[in-house]
Amino acid sequence: MRTIELIESSSRKLSILIGSRPGAQYAGLTDREVFERVDRKVQAVDAFVKRHDPDIIFTIAGMSSEAESLGAEVLLRDEGSPVVKHSPLHGNPDPSRLVPISLQDSPLCSTVIGSIRVLSERYPDKIVAATLNGPLTVVGQLLGYDRLLLLSVDDPQLVKELLAPATCRIIEFLNAQIESGARYVHVAEPTGSLLSPPLLREIGLPYLQELFTQIKVPNHLHMCGDVSAHLGVLAQTGAGAVSVDSMVDMKEAADLLGVKMAVCGNIDSAGKLFSGSPEEVACATRTMLEQMASVNGYIPASSCGIPRLTPPENIDIFTRTVRGFSA
């Protein structure tokens, strides 16, 4: 099923809340506890689902899962997502140094896979999402983002040789999450917006296309930042939808992406949702729904991941406004 078909088959207007991190706050858990154990991750997501009844359930996944499974040493923190402490590519960007370990031997990957299995069984009538990082983002984690950007200009062939094994690992992680019960896929490729559109087309696009050819369920590609100039490239990825940040004009994005690709966004996660009043969130959501009322392939969504300390009443009013809207 394509993402457009998911929208058309739904009995109500779908919305997407990217991530479930506020659930850790509701459950009284540190981020470290959530990333260490399947049961704690499920406890946090369960708290989020019971409070907000999202249409699509996201587990809590960090940005470093695939990097860890490719040999990186990852640092867990009580507050904040895991970060790469040491990478096999630090000091020597030789692709042969990327030696994958079993996904089950990667704590970050295994807890994501395990939590999806439990959540899919616990919520059989809900859609549970797989969460992946895009190839450029995985390589950026391993190299360091500054080094990735320099090499993209100075040695694009080397970057491609690193993207190839990273993409293979991402696809393995995808398949493990699908086999565990995921019926939607969120691909986060924030690093793509750091490249110029020509560089993204040359270096990143072939690997995104390879990834999306393997995704057989509804999905979206999320890219942070102002990607207005990148939309022509994103339209060629094969993604079922593109999820855009708050800086992007939604109507223009929908027009450029065309009728075969859905578009998601873009109520500001770090702005209105995080620090606005419920009234301001409701107003921004209604305005967006009215603007996009003529676009069949539109999914109202948060502009990016929802911060842990987002006021729960703001999340509630976003969902209620979407479900109560009629054009």
Protein backbone atom coordinates (compact mmCIF):
# COMPACT_ATOMS: atom_id res chain seq x y z
CA MET A 1 0.00 0.00 0.00
CA ARG A 2 1.29 3.45 -0.90
CA THR A 3 1.13 6.32 1.56
CA ILE A 4 -1.50 8.05 -0.58
CA GLU A 5 -3.66 4.92 -0.39
CA LEU A 6 -3.30 4.83 3.41
CA ILE A 7 -4.64 8.39 3.56
CA GLU A 8 -7.54 7.61 1.24
CA SER A 9 -8.51 4.42 3.09
CA SER A 10 -8.56 6.00 6.55
CA SER A 11 -11.95 6.57 8.19
CA ARG A 12 -10.70 9.86 9.66
CA LYS A 13 -8.10 12.48 8.92
CA LEU A 14 -4.72 11.00 9.80
CA SER A 15 -2.07 12.95 11.66
CA ILE A 16 1.52 12.14 12.57
CA LEU A 17 3.28 12.96 15.81
CA ILE A 18 6.94 12.19 15.10
CA GLY A 19 8.32 10.26 18.04
CA SER A 20 7.01 9.40 21.51
CA ARG A 21 9.72 10.98 23.68
CA PRO A 22 7.30 12.84 25.99
CA GLY A 23 6.19 9.38 27.09
CA ALA A 24 9.51 8.97 28.93
CA GLN A 25 8.66 12.08 30.93
CA TYR A 26 5.16 10.81 31.67
CA ALA A 27 6.57 7.47 32.85
CA GLY A 28 9.27 9.09 35.01
CA LEU A 29 12.12 7.48 33.08
CA THR A 30 15.48 8.90 32.10
CA ASP A 31 16.52 8.77 28.47
CA ARG A 32 19.27 6.33 29.41
CA GLU A 33 16.70 3.91 30.87
CA VAL A 34 14.57 4.13 27.73
CA PHE A 35 17.49 3.41 25.40
CA GLU A 36 18.89 0.57 27.54
CA ARG A 37 15.90 -1.72 27.90
CA VAL A 38 12.99 -2.93 25.79
CA ASP A 39 10.54 -2.94 28.71
CA ARG A 40 11.39 0.65 29.63
CA LYS A 41 11.07 1.78 26.02
CA VAL A 42 7.67 0.10 25.78
CA GLN A 43 6.63 1.64 29.11
CA ALA A 44 7.44 5.12 27.79
CA VAL A 45 5.71 4.62 24.44
CA ASP A 46 2.71 3.08 26.21
CA ALA A 47 2.40 6.18 28.39
CA PHE A 48 2.43 8.37 25.27
CA VAL A 49 -0.13 6.24 23.43
CA LYS A 50 -2.54 6.11 26.38
CA ARG A 51 -2.37 9.88 26.81
CA HIS A 52 -2.55 10.97 23.15
CA ASP A 53 -4.01 8.10 21.06
CA PRO A 54 -1.77 8.78 18.01
CA ASP A 55 -2.75 7.37 14.63
CA ILE A 56 0.77 6.04 14.09
CA ILE A 57 2.84 4.76 17.01
CA PHE A 58 6.55 5.56 17.03
CA THR A 59 8.97 3.76 19.29
CA ILE A 60 11.76 5.86 20.80
CA ALA A 61 14.86 5.50 18.63
CA GLY A 62 18.04 7.58 18.72
CA MET A 63 20.10 8.87 15.83
CA SER A 64 22.97 6.45 16.46
CA SER A 65 21.41 2.98 16.15
CA GLU A 66 22.78 2.05 12.73
CA ALA A 67 26.15 3.64 13.53
CA GLU A 68 26.46 1.45 16.62
CA SER A 69 25.71 -1.65 14.54
CA LEU A 70 28.55 -0.64 12.20
CA GLY A 71 31.12 -0.59 14.99
CA ALA A 72 30.68 2.81 16.64
CA GLU A 73 30.94 3.17 20.40
CA VAL A 74 27.88 5.04 21.64
CA LEU A 75 27.48 7.12 24.78
CA LEU A 76 24.14 6.94 26.61
CA ARG A 77 23.06 9.96 28.63
CA ASP A 78 20.44 10.49 31.31
CA GLU A 79 19.12 13.41 29.27
CA GLY A 80 19.33 13.44 25.49
CA SER A 81 19.70 10.96 22.68
CA PRO A 82 22.72 8.64 22.45
CA VAL A 83 25.76 10.10 20.68
CA VAL A 84 28.71 8.49 18.92
CA LYS A 85 31.70 8.53 21.27
CA HIS A 86 34.12 6.74 18.96
CA SER A 87 33.80 5.51 15.38
CA PRO A 88 35.93 3.09 13.36
CA LEU A 89 36.20 5.88 10.78
CA HIS A 90 37.66 8.46 13.16
CA GLY A 91 41.13 9.27 11.82
CA ASN A 92 40.82 6.90 8.85
CA PRO A 93 37.74 6.97 6.57
CA ASP A 94 38.51 3.59 5.01
CA PRO A 95 35.26 1.76 4.08
CA SER A 96 36.87 -1.59 4.98
CA ARG A 97 36.86 -0.46 8.63
CA LEU A 98 33.06 -0.68 8.70
CA VAL A 99 32.45 -4.19 10.01
CA PRO A 100 28.77 -4.82 10.83
CA ILE A 101 27.87 -6.62 14.03
CA SER A 102 24.63 -8.53 14.50
CA LEU A 103 21.64 -6.28 15.03
CA GLN A 104 20.89 -8.27 18.17
CA ASP A 105 24.38 -7.43 19.47
CA SER A 106 23.68 -3.71 19.04
CA PRO A 107 21.75 -2.57 22.15
CA LEU A 108 20.21 0.40 20.36
CA CYS A 109 19.02 -1.67 17.39
CA SER A 110 17.86 -4.65 19.41
CA THR A 111 15.77 -2.55 21.80
CA VAL A 112 14.06 -0.82 18.84
CA ILE A 113 13.29 -4.18 17.22
CA GLY A 114 12.11 -5.68 20.49
CA SER A 115 9.89 -2.73 21.33
CA ILE A 116 8.22 -2.83 17.91
CA ARG A 117 7.42 -6.50 18.43
CA VAL A 118 5.79 -5.81 21.80
CA LEU A 119 3.95 -2.68 20.65
CA SER A 120 2.60 -4.43 17.53
CA GLU A 121 1.18 -7.20 19.69
CA ARG A 122 -0.18 -4.77 22.29
CA TYR A 123 -1.86 -2.49 19.74
CA PRO A 124 -2.97 -4.77 16.88
CA ASP A 125 -5.44 -2.17 15.57
CA LYS A 126 -2.83 0.58 15.45
CA ILE A 127 -0.06 1.24 12.94
CA VAL A 128 3.39 0.89 14.49
CA ALA A 129 6.22 2.64 12.63
CA ALA A 130 9.73 1.48 11.87
CA THR A 131 12.30 4.22 12.43
CA LEU A 132 15.44 4.50 10.31
CA ASN A 133 18.21 7.01 9.76
CA GLY A 134 19.05 7.78 6.15
CA PRO A 135 22.39 6.82 4.56
CA LEU A 136 23.92 10.30 4.71
CA THR A 137 22.96 10.67 8.35
CA VAL A 138 24.47 7.30 9.29
CA VAL A 139 27.73 8.13 7.51
CA GLY A 140 27.68 11.60 9.11
CA GLN A 141 27.44 9.94 12.52
CA LEU A 142 30.44 7.75 11.71
CA LEU A 143 32.64 10.36 10.03
CA GLY A 144 31.51 13.50 11.79
CA TYR A 145 29.30 15.89 9.87
CA ASP A 146 32.02 18.42 9.08
CA ARG A 147 34.23 15.68 7.62
CA LEU A 148 31.31 14.33 5.58
CA LEU A 149 30.64 17.74 4.07
CA LEU A 150 34.31 18.26 3.19
CA LEU A 151 34.65 14.82 1.61
CA SER A 152 31.42 15.31 -0.35
CA VAL A 153 33.24 18.06 -2.23
CA ASP A 154 36.83 16.78 -2.16
CA ASP A 155 36.29 13.04 -2.57
CA PRO A 156 32.67 12.19 -3.47
CA GLN A 157 33.69 8.71 -4.60
CA LEU A 158 34.91 7.86 -1.11
CA VAL A 159 31.63 9.10 0.36
CA LYS A 160 29.75 6.81 -2.03
CA GLU A 161 31.92 3.88 -0.94
CA LEU A 162 30.88 4.59 2.64
CA LEU A 163 27.21 5.10 1.77
CA ALA A 164 26.96 1.67 0.13
CA PRO A 165 27.59 -0.46 3.28
CA ALA A 166 25.61 2.00 5.39
CA THR A 167 22.61 1.55 3.09
CA CYS A 168 22.90 -2.23 3.26
CA ARG A 169 22.84 -2.08 7.05
CA ILE A 170 19.85 0.30 7.07
CA ILE A 171 17.93 -2.12 4.84
CA GLU A 172 18.72 -4.99 7.22
CA PHE A 173 17.46 -2.88 10.12
CA LEU A 174 14.35 -2.02 8.10
CA ASN A 175 13.59 -5.68 7.42
CA ALA A 176 14.04 -6.62 11.07
CA GLN A 177 11.53 -3.95 12.13
CA ILE A 178 9.02 -4.99 9.45
CA GLU A 179 9.35 -8.63 10.51
CA SER A 180 8.63 -7.51 14.08
CA GLY A 181 5.33 -5.94 13.05
CA ALA A 182 6.01 -2.40 11.74
CA ARG A 183 3.49 -1.30 9.09
CA TYR A 184 4.81 2.19 8.38
CA VAL A 185 8.36 3.50 7.91
CA HIS A 186 9.85 6.81 9.00
CA VAL A 187 13.21 7.59 7.37
CA ALA A 188 15.06 10.53 8.93
CA GLU A 189 17.69 12.09 6.68
CA PRO A 190 18.38 15.48 8.31
CA THR A 191 21.93 15.55 6.92
CA GLY A 192 20.62 15.82 3.38
CA SER A 193 19.67 19.46 3.86
CA LEU A 194 23.33 20.31 4.60
CA LEU A 195 24.28 19.41 1.02
CA SER A 196 23.48 21.59 -1.97
CA PRO A 197 20.72 20.16 -4.20
CA PRO A 198 23.25 19.15 -6.92
CA LEU A 199 25.43 17.35 -4.35
CA LEU A 200 22.40 15.67 -2.80
CA ARG A 201 21.35 14.46 -6.25
CA GLU A 202 24.81 13.16 -7.09
CA ILE A 203 25.81 11.62 -3.77
CA GLY A 204 22.73 10.93 -1.68
CA LEU A 205 19.90 10.27 -4.13
CA PRO A 206 21.02 6.86 -5.47
CA TYR A 207 21.21 5.42 -1.95
CA LEU A 208 17.87 6.87 -0.89
CA GLN A 209 16.37 5.36 -4.04
CA GLU A 210 17.93 2.00 -3.18
CA LEU A 211 16.46 2.18 0.31
CA PHE A 212 12.96 3.14 -0.78
CA THR A 213 12.79 0.40 -3.40
CA GLN A 214 12.97 -2.02 -0.44
CA ILE A 215 10.12 -0.39 1.50
CA LYS A 216 6.80 -2.02 0.61
CA VAL A 217 4.58 -0.33 3.23
CA PRO A 218 3.42 3.30 3.60
CA ASN A 219 6.31 5.56 4.49
CA HIS A 220 7.74 9.02 4.51
CA LEU A 221 11.14 10.65 4.18
CA HIS A 222 11.82 13.39 6.71
CA MET A 223 14.45 16.04 6.08
CA CYS A 224 15.00 18.85 8.58
CA GLY A 225 15.59 22.47 7.74
CA ASP A 226 14.57 24.61 4.80
CA VAL A 227 14.57 22.06 1.98
CA SER A 228 12.58 24.21 -0.44
CA ALA A 229 15.44 24.04 -2.97
CA HIS A 230 15.83 20.27 -2.42
CA LEU A 231 12.23 19.25 -3.11
CA GLY A 232 12.94 18.41 -6.75
CA VAL A 233 15.52 15.86 -5.58
CA LEU A 234 13.27 14.48 -2.84
CA ALA A 235 10.52 13.93 -5.41
CA GLN A 236 12.83 11.43 -7.14
CA THR A 237 13.61 9.29 -4.09
CA GLY A 238 10.68 6.90 -4.46
CA ALA A 239 9.40 7.77 -0.98
CA GLY A 240 5.67 7.54 -0.41
CA ALA A 241 5.63 10.96 1.23
CA VAL A 242 7.99 13.76 2.17
CA SER A 243 7.85 15.19 5.68
CA VAL A 244 9.04 18.80 5.83
CA ASP A 245 10.11 21.21 8.54
CA SER A 246 8.34 24.40 9.58
CA MET A 247 10.44 26.61 7.27
CA VAL A 248 8.92 25.07 4.12
CA ASP A 249 5.76 26.35 2.44
CA MET A 250 3.45 23.33 2.53
CA LYS A 251 1.34 24.26 -0.48
CA GLU A 252 4.39 24.87 -2.63
CA ALA A 253 5.86 21.55 -1.47
CA ALA A 254 2.68 19.69 -2.39
CA ASP A 255 2.56 21.34 -5.83
CA LEU A 256 6.17 20.43 -6.54
CA LEU A 257 6.00 16.86 -5.24
CA GLY A 258 2.92 16.08 -7.36
CA VAL A 259 -0.20 13.99 -6.86
CA LYS A 260 1.56 10.62 -6.51
CA MET A 261 3.56 11.64 -3.43
CA ALA A 262 1.99 12.67 -0.13
CA VAL A 263 3.33 15.52 1.97
CA CYS A 264 3.50 15.68 5.78
CA GLY A 265 3.99 18.62 8.08
CA ASN A 266 4.62 21.07 9.45
CA ILE A 267 3.40 22.35 12.80
CA ASP A 268 6.55 23.65 14.46
CA SER A 269 7.75 21.05 17.00
CA ALA A 270 10.35 23.30 18.64
CA GLY A 271 8.18 26.42 18.40
CA LYS A 272 4.39 26.33 18.60
CA LEU A 273 4.07 22.77 19.94
CA PHE A 274 6.83 23.19 22.51
CA SER A 275 6.37 26.74 23.74
CA GLY A 276 3.04 27.99 22.41
CA SER A 277 -0.28 28.00 24.21
CA PRO A 278 -2.95 25.41 23.35
CA GLU A 279 -4.90 28.19 21.64
CA GLU A 280 -1.90 29.07 19.47
CA VAL A 281 -1.37 25.41 18.54
CA ALA A 282 -5.04 25.05 17.62
CA CYS A 283 -4.93 28.21 15.50
CA ALA A 284 -1.75 27.15 13.67
CA THR A 285 -3.18 23.69 13.03
CA ARG A 286 -6.50 25.03 11.69
CA THR A 287 -4.68 27.49 9.46
CA MET A 288 -2.56 24.71 8.00
CA LEU A 289 -5.56 22.44 7.49
CA GLU A 290 -7.43 25.20 5.69
CA GLN A 291 -4.44 25.98 3.49
CA MET A 292 -4.03 22.32 2.56
CA ALA A 293 -7.72 21.38 2.31
CA SER A 294 -7.55 20.93 -1.46
CA VAL A 295 -4.52 18.59 -1.27
CA ASN A 296 -5.70 14.97 -1.08
CA GLY A 297 -2.27 13.67 -0.14
CA TYR A 298 -1.72 15.83 2.91
CA ILE A 299 -0.99 14.47 6.40
CA PRO A 300 -0.86 17.10 9.17
CA ALA A 301 2.18 16.37 11.27
CA SER A 302 4.71 17.79 13.65
CA SER A 303 7.56 19.46 11.79
CA CYS A 304 10.16 17.20 13.41
CA GLY A 305 10.58 15.01 16.49
CA ILE A 306 8.52 16.11 19.49
CA PRO A 307 10.75 17.26 22.37
CA ARG A 308 10.52 15.35 25.64
CA LEU A 309 9.16 18.33 27.61
CA THR A 310 6.46 19.34 25.11
CA PRO A 311 3.30 20.28 27.08
CA PRO A 312 0.86 17.36 26.79
CA GLU A 313 -2.10 19.71 26.35
CA ASN A 314 -0.46 21.09 23.18
CA ILE A 315 -0.13 17.60 21.73
CA ASP A 316 -3.76 16.88 22.64
CA ILE A 317 -5.11 20.02 21.01
CA PHE A 318 -3.17 19.34 17.81
CA THR A 319 -4.75 15.88 17.49
CA ARG A 320 -8.25 17.07 18.45
CA THR A 321 -8.09 19.94 15.97
CA VAL A 322 -7.11 17.61 13.14
CA ARG A 323 -9.84 15.07 13.98
CA GLY A 324 -12.49 17.76 14.34
CA PHE A 325 -11.65 19.61 11.14
CA SER A 326 -14.00 19.61 8.16
CA ALA A 327 -13.16 21.56 5.02
